[in-house]
């Protein structure tokens, strides 16, 4: 059927379109059906051996046909007019307009596609506004802190002590992370994906990530513990170490920020068939079921958002995992170890155990 449609579209695409100058689609339908009806009437008249017809009867028949066509075509034209009005409103920034139609023909399909486009544009506009608000907030906080610190030093109110310099360094690092996230986002949109794949020894890789997370948590004043559970020390997985480090560093940082003082961040890795399962869990309040899919969308920080954050980290994490043909999701605690908190599962394909791979 689709092939026939393509052939028909190619054939009819070469035909002349004499009704293009007509500005009303109802007028076009009237002329088209009137012409077709006239041809049919001539054929019928010829088949009846040219029976004489009165001109008055013919005029009345044509008038009634045109009126009937106008009434019947009204329902098909209204969605097109609504789309015209909605498109003009969108040009002025109003994306709330929708086209209402119950038609199942091409006009109905066009209306459904138009409504989907309007929803996508509204979502994109909302994300743009959230990006501006979030980035502005994230930039203002460290810049304000740095400005206050430097003003105190310049005015002689404070001396450039090691503690003051550590504060300035922390704020500078925060700005650096924001810039790095924005650069990753631009690469995502541009489709520029530098990947350096190699075989990663999972145990050593995770120990390094967890060690860095401990240092970052301590530097940020977070009183949390990290527990690492590696079920098999021999596990390896193919991937880009820097990109995957970015994923798990972000997950551990989020878990540390959302854990209460004295809480525990648990990291577990195990092999499941040919996949490698990474489970990261905090001891916080968890994420509501309605928010679990949205947290991986851009600029979404969810109801748990505390301590800043642009909402880009998890979106970039999902992007990196998908580049490795894996999946990332927030799962129900009952589907993991049952402990309260937020549980994130990352699955990566291609897991191997060297001692078993070489066996016969």
Protein backbone atom coordinates (compact mmCIF):
# COMPACT_ATOMS: atom_id res chain seq x y z
CA UNK A 1 0.00 0.00 0.00
CA UNK A 2 2.79 2.44 0.87
CA UNK A 3 4.50 1.65 -2.44
CA UNK A 4 1.30 2.39 -4.35
CA UNK A 5 0.99 5.67 -2.47
CA UNK A 6 4.54 6.65 -3.45
CA UNK A 7 3.87 5.80 -7.10
CA UNK A 8 0.59 7.72 -7.07
CA UNK A 9 2.28 10.69 -5.41
CA UNK A 10 5.01 10.68 -8.07
CA UNK A 11 2.45 10.50 -10.90
CA UNK A 12 0.08 13.13 -9.56
CA UNK A 13 3.00 15.38 -8.64
CA UNK A 14 3.55 16.05 -12.35
CA UNK A 15 -0.07 16.99 -13.05
CA UNK A 16 -1.02 20.68 -13.39
CA UNK A 17 -2.77 22.38 -10.46
CA UNK A 18 -5.18 24.89 -12.01
CA UNK A 19 -6.95 25.61 -8.69
CA UNK A 20 -3.88 26.97 -6.90
CA UNK A 21 -4.90 30.63 -7.46
CA UNK A 22 -8.20 30.00 -5.62
CA UNK A 23 -7.78 31.24 -2.01
CA UNK A 24 -10.57 29.19 -0.39
CA UNK A 25 -10.36 25.43 0.02
CA UNK A 26 -14.17 25.24 0.04
CA UNK A 27 -14.22 27.04 -3.29
CA UNK A 28 -11.65 24.59 -4.58
CA UNK A 29 -13.77 21.65 -3.45
CA UNK A 30 -16.85 23.23 -5.01
CA UNK A 31 -15.11 23.78 -8.34
CA UNK A 32 -13.54 20.33 -8.32
CA UNK A 33 -16.74 18.50 -7.46
CA UNK A 34 -18.75 20.74 -9.74
CA UNK A 35 -16.45 19.98 -12.64
CA UNK A 36 -16.54 16.27 -11.86
CA UNK A 37 -20.31 16.37 -11.52
CA UNK A 38 -20.63 18.28 -14.76
CA UNK A 39 -18.56 15.72 -16.63
CA UNK A 40 -20.64 12.95 -15.12
CA UNK A 41 -23.84 14.76 -16.09
CA UNK A 42 -22.65 15.15 -19.69
CA UNK A 43 -21.83 11.45 -19.84
CA UNK A 44 -25.27 10.61 -18.45
CA UNK A 45 -26.89 13.03 -20.85
CA UNK A 46 -25.06 11.45 -23.76
CA UNK A 47 -26.01 7.93 -22.61
CA UNK A 48 -29.68 8.97 -22.57
CA UNK A 49 -29.41 10.03 -26.23
CA UNK A 50 -29.42 13.77 -25.53
CA UNK A 51 -32.76 14.07 -23.82
CA UNK A 52 -33.62 17.77 -23.70
CA UNK A 53 -32.98 19.36 -20.31
CA UNK A 54 -34.40 22.63 -19.09
CA UNK A 55 -31.83 25.23 -18.16
CA UNK A 56 -33.80 26.25 -15.08
CA UNK A 57 -33.70 22.73 -13.67
CA UNK A 58 -29.97 22.55 -14.31
CA UNK A 59 -29.36 25.88 -12.58
CA UNK A 60 -31.37 24.85 -9.54
CA UNK A 61 -29.50 21.54 -9.34
CA UNK A 62 -26.11 23.29 -9.50
CA UNK A 63 -27.13 25.83 -6.84
CA UNK A 64 -28.38 23.12 -4.48
CA UNK A 65 -25.19 21.13 -5.05
CA UNK A 66 -23.01 24.13 -4.20
CA UNK A 67 -24.97 24.95 -1.03
CA UNK A 68 -24.84 21.32 0.09
CA UNK A 69 -21.11 21.20 -0.58
CA UNK A 70 -20.51 24.36 1.45
CA UNK A 71 -22.41 22.93 4.43
CA UNK A 72 -20.75 19.52 4.25
CA UNK A 73 -17.24 20.97 3.76
CA UNK A 74 -17.56 23.28 6.75
CA UNK A 75 -16.58 20.56 9.23
CA UNK A 76 -13.48 19.73 7.21
CA UNK A 77 -12.38 23.37 6.98
CA UNK A 78 -12.75 24.34 10.65
CA UNK A 79 -9.61 22.40 11.84
CA UNK A 80 -7.56 24.10 9.12
CA UNK A 81 -8.75 27.52 10.26
CA UNK A 82 -7.97 26.59 13.87
CA UNK A 83 -4.45 25.59 12.81
CA UNK A 84 -4.00 28.94 11.08
CA UNK A 85 -5.04 30.83 14.22
CA UNK A 86 -2.90 28.60 16.46
CA UNK A 87 0.15 29.05 14.21
CA UNK A 88 -0.22 32.82 14.41
CA UNK A 89 -0.48 32.63 18.19
CA UNK A 90 2.64 30.42 18.34
CA UNK A 91 4.54 33.08 16.41
CA UNK A 92 3.83 35.38 19.38
CA UNK A 93 4.91 32.78 21.99
CA UNK A 94 1.55 31.22 22.90
CA UNK A 95 1.88 27.43 22.67
CA UNK A 96 -1.36 26.58 24.49
CA UNK A 97 -3.60 26.51 21.41
CA UNK A 98 -4.82 23.10 20.25
CA UNK A 99 -6.89 21.93 17.29
CA UNK A 100 -10.05 20.02 18.13
CA UNK A 101 -11.29 17.52 15.58
CA UNK A 102 -12.71 14.01 15.56
CA UNK A 103 -11.99 13.47 11.88
CA UNK A 104 -10.00 10.37 10.91
CA UNK A 105 -9.03 11.55 7.43
CA UNK A 106 -5.92 13.42 6.32
CA UNK A 107 -7.14 16.61 7.96
CA UNK A 108 -7.52 14.73 11.27
CA UNK A 109 -4.00 13.32 10.92
CA UNK A 110 -2.69 16.81 10.18
CA UNK A 111 -4.47 18.17 13.25
CA UNK A 112 -3.00 15.42 15.45
CA UNK A 113 0.48 16.12 14.08
CA UNK A 114 -0.05 19.85 14.64
CA UNK A 115 -1.08 19.27 18.26
CA UNK A 116 1.97 17.08 18.84
CA UNK A 117 4.19 19.77 17.34
CA UNK A 118 2.58 22.37 19.61
CA UNK A 119 3.21 20.18 22.67
CA UNK A 120 6.85 19.66 21.66
CA UNK A 121 7.35 23.38 21.11
CA UNK A 122 5.76 24.15 24.47
CA UNK A 123 8.07 21.64 26.17
CA UNK A 124 11.10 23.08 24.38
CA UNK A 125 10.12 26.61 25.38
CA UNK A 126 9.61 25.53 29.00
CA UNK A 127 13.00 23.82 29.02
CA UNK A 128 14.63 26.92 27.56
CA UNK A 129 13.13 29.08 30.31
CA UNK A 130 14.19 26.58 32.96
CA UNK A 131 17.70 26.49 31.50
CA UNK A 132 18.01 30.26 31.72
CA UNK A 133 16.66 30.31 35.28
CA UNK A 134 18.78 27.37 36.49
CA UNK A 135 22.01 28.46 34.85
CA UNK A 136 21.52 32.04 36.04
CA UNK A 137 21.01 30.80 39.59
CA UNK A 138 23.99 28.45 39.43
CA UNK A 139 26.24 31.17 38.03
CA UNK A 140 25.08 33.80 40.49
CA UNK A 141 25.81 31.77 43.62
CA UNK A 142 29.56 31.05 43.10
CA UNK A 143 30.16 34.44 41.45
CA UNK A 144 28.59 36.21 44.42
CA UNK A 145 30.71 34.17 46.84
CA UNK A 146 33.90 34.83 44.88
CA UNK A 147 33.14 38.53 44.59
CA UNK A 148 32.52 38.86 48.31
CA UNK A 149 35.74 37.00 49.12
CA UNK A 150 37.85 39.06 46.71
CA UNK A 151 36.31 42.33 47.91
CA UNK A 152 37.20 41.43 51.51
CA UNK A 153 40.76 40.62 50.50
CA UNK A 154 41.17 43.79 48.40
CA UNK A 155 39.66 46.02 51.11
CA UNK A 156 41.91 44.47 53.76
CA UNK A 157 38.98 43.08 55.73
CA UNK A 158 40.29 39.52 55.34
CA UNK A 159 43.65 38.00 54.61
CA UNK A 160 44.14 35.41 51.83
CA UNK A 161 44.38 32.50 54.23
CA UNK A 162 44.36 28.85 53.12
CA UNK A 163 40.73 28.54 54.26
CA UNK A 164 39.72 31.52 52.13
CA UNK A 165 41.57 30.12 49.14
CA UNK A 166 39.89 26.73 49.56
CA UNK A 167 36.51 28.47 49.50
CA UNK A 168 37.46 30.32 46.33
CA UNK A 169 38.73 27.09 44.77
CA UNK A 170 35.48 25.29 45.61
CA UNK A 171 33.41 28.02 43.96
CA UNK A 172 35.69 28.00 40.91
CA UNK A 173 35.32 24.24 40.63
CA UNK A 174 31.55 24.64 40.81
CA UNK A 175 31.68 27.06 37.88
CA UNK A 176 33.92 24.62 36.01
CA UNK A 177 31.42 21.79 36.49
CA UNK A 178 28.61 23.96 35.16
CA UNK A 179 30.61 24.91 32.08
CA UNK A 180 31.57 21.25 31.50
CA UNK A 181 27.90 20.20 31.68
CA UNK A 182 26.89 22.88 29.20
CA UNK A 183 29.68 21.83 26.83
CA UNK A 184 28.56 18.20 27.07
CA UNK A 185 25.02 19.31 26.34
CA UNK A 186 26.16 21.18 23.23
CA UNK A 187 28.06 18.08 22.05
CA UNK A 188 24.93 16.01 22.63
CA UNK A 189 22.85 18.35 20.46
CA UNK A 190 25.52 18.57 17.77
CA UNK A 191 26.02 14.81 17.65
CA UNK A 192 29.74 15.15 18.37
CA UNK A 193 30.55 12.14 20.52
CA UNK A 194 34.26 11.55 21.22
CA UNK A 195 34.57 8.00 22.51
CA UNK A 196 37.73 6.17 23.58
CA UNK A 197 36.64 2.57 24.15
CA UNK A 198 38.79 0.12 26.04
CA UNK A 199 38.37 -2.82 28.39
CA UNK A 200 37.65 -1.54 31.88
CA UNK A 201 38.51 -3.51 35.03
CA UNK A 202 35.32 -2.82 36.94
CA UNK A 203 36.57 -3.32 40.52
CA UNK A 204 39.48 -0.90 40.24
CA UNK A 205 37.41 1.57 38.25
CA UNK A 206 34.68 1.73 40.90
CA UNK A 207 37.13 1.96 43.78
CA UNK A 208 38.66 5.03 42.16
CA UNK A 209 35.22 6.62 41.62
CA UNK A 210 34.14 5.90 45.20
CA UNK A 211 37.43 7.26 46.60
CA UNK A 212 36.95 10.52 44.74
CA UNK A 213 33.33 10.68 45.89
CA UNK A 214 34.47 10.35 49.52
CA UNK A 215 36.89 13.25 49.08
CA UNK A 216 34.24 15.42 47.38
CA UNK A 217 31.65 14.62 50.05
CA UNK A 218 34.09 15.46 52.84
CA UNK A 219 35.08 18.68 51.09
CA UNK A 220 31.43 19.63 50.75
CA UNK A 221 30.75 19.02 54.44
CA UNK A 222 28.55 15.96 53.84
CA UNK A 223 28.65 13.37 56.60
CA UNK A 224 27.98 10.22 54.58
CA UNK A 225 29.61 6.81 54.26
CA UNK A 226 30.23 4.90 51.02
CA UNK A 227 29.92 1.13 50.76
CA UNK A 228 31.18 -0.72 47.69
CA UNK A 229 30.09 -4.29 46.96
CA UNK A 230 31.85 -5.92 44.00
CA UNK A 231 30.52 -9.44 43.55
CA UNK A 232 33.35 -10.55 41.22
CA UNK A 233 36.78 -8.91 41.16
CA UNK A 234 37.49 -10.26 37.65
CA UNK A 235 34.64 -8.47 35.89
CA UNK A 236 35.44 -6.29 32.88
CA UNK A 237 33.28 -4.25 30.52
CA UNK A 238 34.08 -2.38 27.29
CA UNK A 239 33.58 1.36 27.38
CA UNK A 240 35.00 4.85 27.62
CA UNK A 241 36.49 5.19 31.14
CA UNK A 242 36.21 8.99 31.27
CA UNK A 243 32.59 9.03 30.14
CA UNK A 244 31.55 6.24 32.50
CA UNK A 245 33.48 7.93 35.32
CA UNK A 246 31.33 10.99 34.63
CA UNK A 247 28.17 8.88 34.99
CA UNK A 248 29.03 7.27 38.31
CA UNK A 249 30.61 10.41 39.77
CA UNK A 250 27.32 12.18 39.12
CA UNK A 251 25.26 9.36 40.61
CA UNK A 252 27.41 9.21 43.75
CA UNK A 253 27.38 12.98 44.15
CA UNK A 254 23.58 13.03 43.89
CA UNK A 255 23.30 10.16 46.37
CA UNK A 256 25.59 11.93 48.84
CA UNK A 257 23.67 15.21 48.56
CA UNK A 258 20.32 13.52 49.16
CA UNK A 259 21.43 11.28 52.03
CA UNK A 260 20.86 12.53 55.59
CA UNK A 261 23.82 13.22 57.92
CA UNK A 262 25.32 9.89 58.89
CA UNK A 263 23.66 8.20 55.94
CA UNK A 264 25.14 5.59 53.65
CA UNK A 265 25.60 5.50 49.89
CA UNK A 266 25.68 1.91 48.63
CA UNK A 267 27.28 0.86 45.35
CA UNK A 268 26.89 -2.70 44.06
CA UNK A 269 28.00 -4.32 40.83
CA UNK A 270 27.22 -7.83 39.63
CA UNK A 271 26.99 -9.75 36.41
CA UNK A 272 23.59 -10.75 35.06
CA UNK A 273 23.92 -12.92 31.95
CA UNK A 274 25.90 -10.81 29.47
CA UNK A 275 25.07 -7.52 31.19
CA UNK A 276 26.73 -5.74 34.06
CA UNK A 277 24.37 -4.29 36.67
CA UNK A 278 25.51 -1.26 38.66
CA UNK A 279 23.22 -0.33 41.55
CA UNK A 280 23.63 3.01 43.36
CA UNK A 281 21.39 3.72 46.36
CA UNK A 282 21.23 6.48 48.94
CA UNK A 283 19.49 6.53 52.32
CA UNK A 284 17.30 9.54 51.67
CA UNK A 285 13.58 9.87 51.07
CA UNK A 286 13.67 8.45 47.56
CA UNK A 287 11.95 9.74 44.43
CA UNK A 288 8.16 9.53 43.95
CA UNK A 289 7.10 7.02 41.30
CA UNK A 290 5.65 9.79 39.14
CA UNK A 291 9.02 11.58 39.01
CA UNK A 292 11.30 8.60 38.30
CA UNK A 293 11.20 8.90 34.53
CA UNK A 294 11.40 12.69 34.47
CA UNK A 295 14.61 13.00 36.47
CA UNK A 296 16.61 12.01 33.39
CA UNK A 297 15.10 14.80 31.29
CA UNK A 298 17.07 17.96 30.73
CA UNK A 299 16.84 20.70 33.34
CA UNK A 300 14.60 18.55 35.55
CA UNK A 301 15.66 18.58 39.19
CA UNK A 302 12.54 17.00 40.66
CA UNK A 303 11.02 17.45 44.09
CA UNK A 304 14.23 16.36 45.87
CA UNK A 305 16.32 19.15 44.39
CA UNK A 306 18.45 20.66 47.11
CA UNK A 307 21.82 22.35 47.14
CA UNK A 308 21.65 23.66 43.58
CA UNK A 309 22.17 21.71 40.38
CA UNK A 310 21.15 22.55 36.83
CA UNK A 311 19.27 19.34 36.14
CA UNK A 312 21.78 18.43 33.42
CA UNK A 313 23.82 15.79 35.21
CA UNK A 314 21.37 12.89 34.96
CA UNK A 315 20.40 13.83 31.40
CA UNK A 316 24.08 13.63 30.41
CA UNK A 317 24.43 10.39 32.37
CA UNK A 318 21.60 8.82 30.39
CA UNK A 319 23.18 10.05 27.17
CA UNK A 320 26.53 8.41 28.06
CA UNK A 321 24.87 5.14 29.07
CA UNK A 322 22.92 5.06 25.81
CA UNK A 323 26.15 5.62 23.90
CA UNK A 324 27.33 2.38 25.52
CA UNK A 325 24.06 0.68 24.44
CA UNK A 326 23.00 0.39 28.06
CA UNK A 327 20.07 1.55 30.17
CA UNK A 328 19.71 3.68 33.29
CA UNK A 329 16.60 3.94 35.43
CA UNK A 330 15.33 4.73 38.90
CA UNK A 331 13.85 1.50 40.25
CA UNK A 332 11.54 0.77 43.13
CA UNK A 333 13.39 -0.13 46.35
CA UNK A 334 11.42 -3.38 46.45
CA UNK A 335 13.03 -4.35 43.12
CA UNK A 336 16.52 -3.89 44.61
CA UNK A 337 17.59 -4.70 48.16
CA UNK A 338 14.43 -3.28 49.74
CA UNK A 339 16.25 -0.58 51.71
CA UNK A 340 14.66 2.90 51.67
CA UNK A 341 16.09 5.63 49.46
CA UNK A 342 16.62 6.30 45.78
CA UNK A 343 17.84 3.27 43.81
CA UNK A 344 19.41 3.78 40.38
CA UNK A 345 20.28 0.83 38.14
CA UNK A 346 22.73 1.09 35.25
CA UNK A 347 22.99 -1.86 32.87
CA UNK A 348 25.90 -2.13 30.44
CA UNK A 349 26.24 -4.93 27.89
CA UNK A 350 29.40 -6.88 27.09
CA UNK A 351 30.39 -7.97 30.58
CA UNK A 352 33.18 -10.54 30.66
CA UNK A 353 35.10 -12.53 33.22
CA UNK A 354 38.65 -13.10 31.86
CA UNK A 355 39.24 -16.36 33.74
CA UNK A 356 36.07 -17.84 32.20
CA UNK A 357 36.43 -16.26 28.76
CA UNK A 358 39.60 -18.15 27.97
CA UNK A 359 38.30 -21.50 29.14
CA UNK A 360 37.03 -24.19 26.76
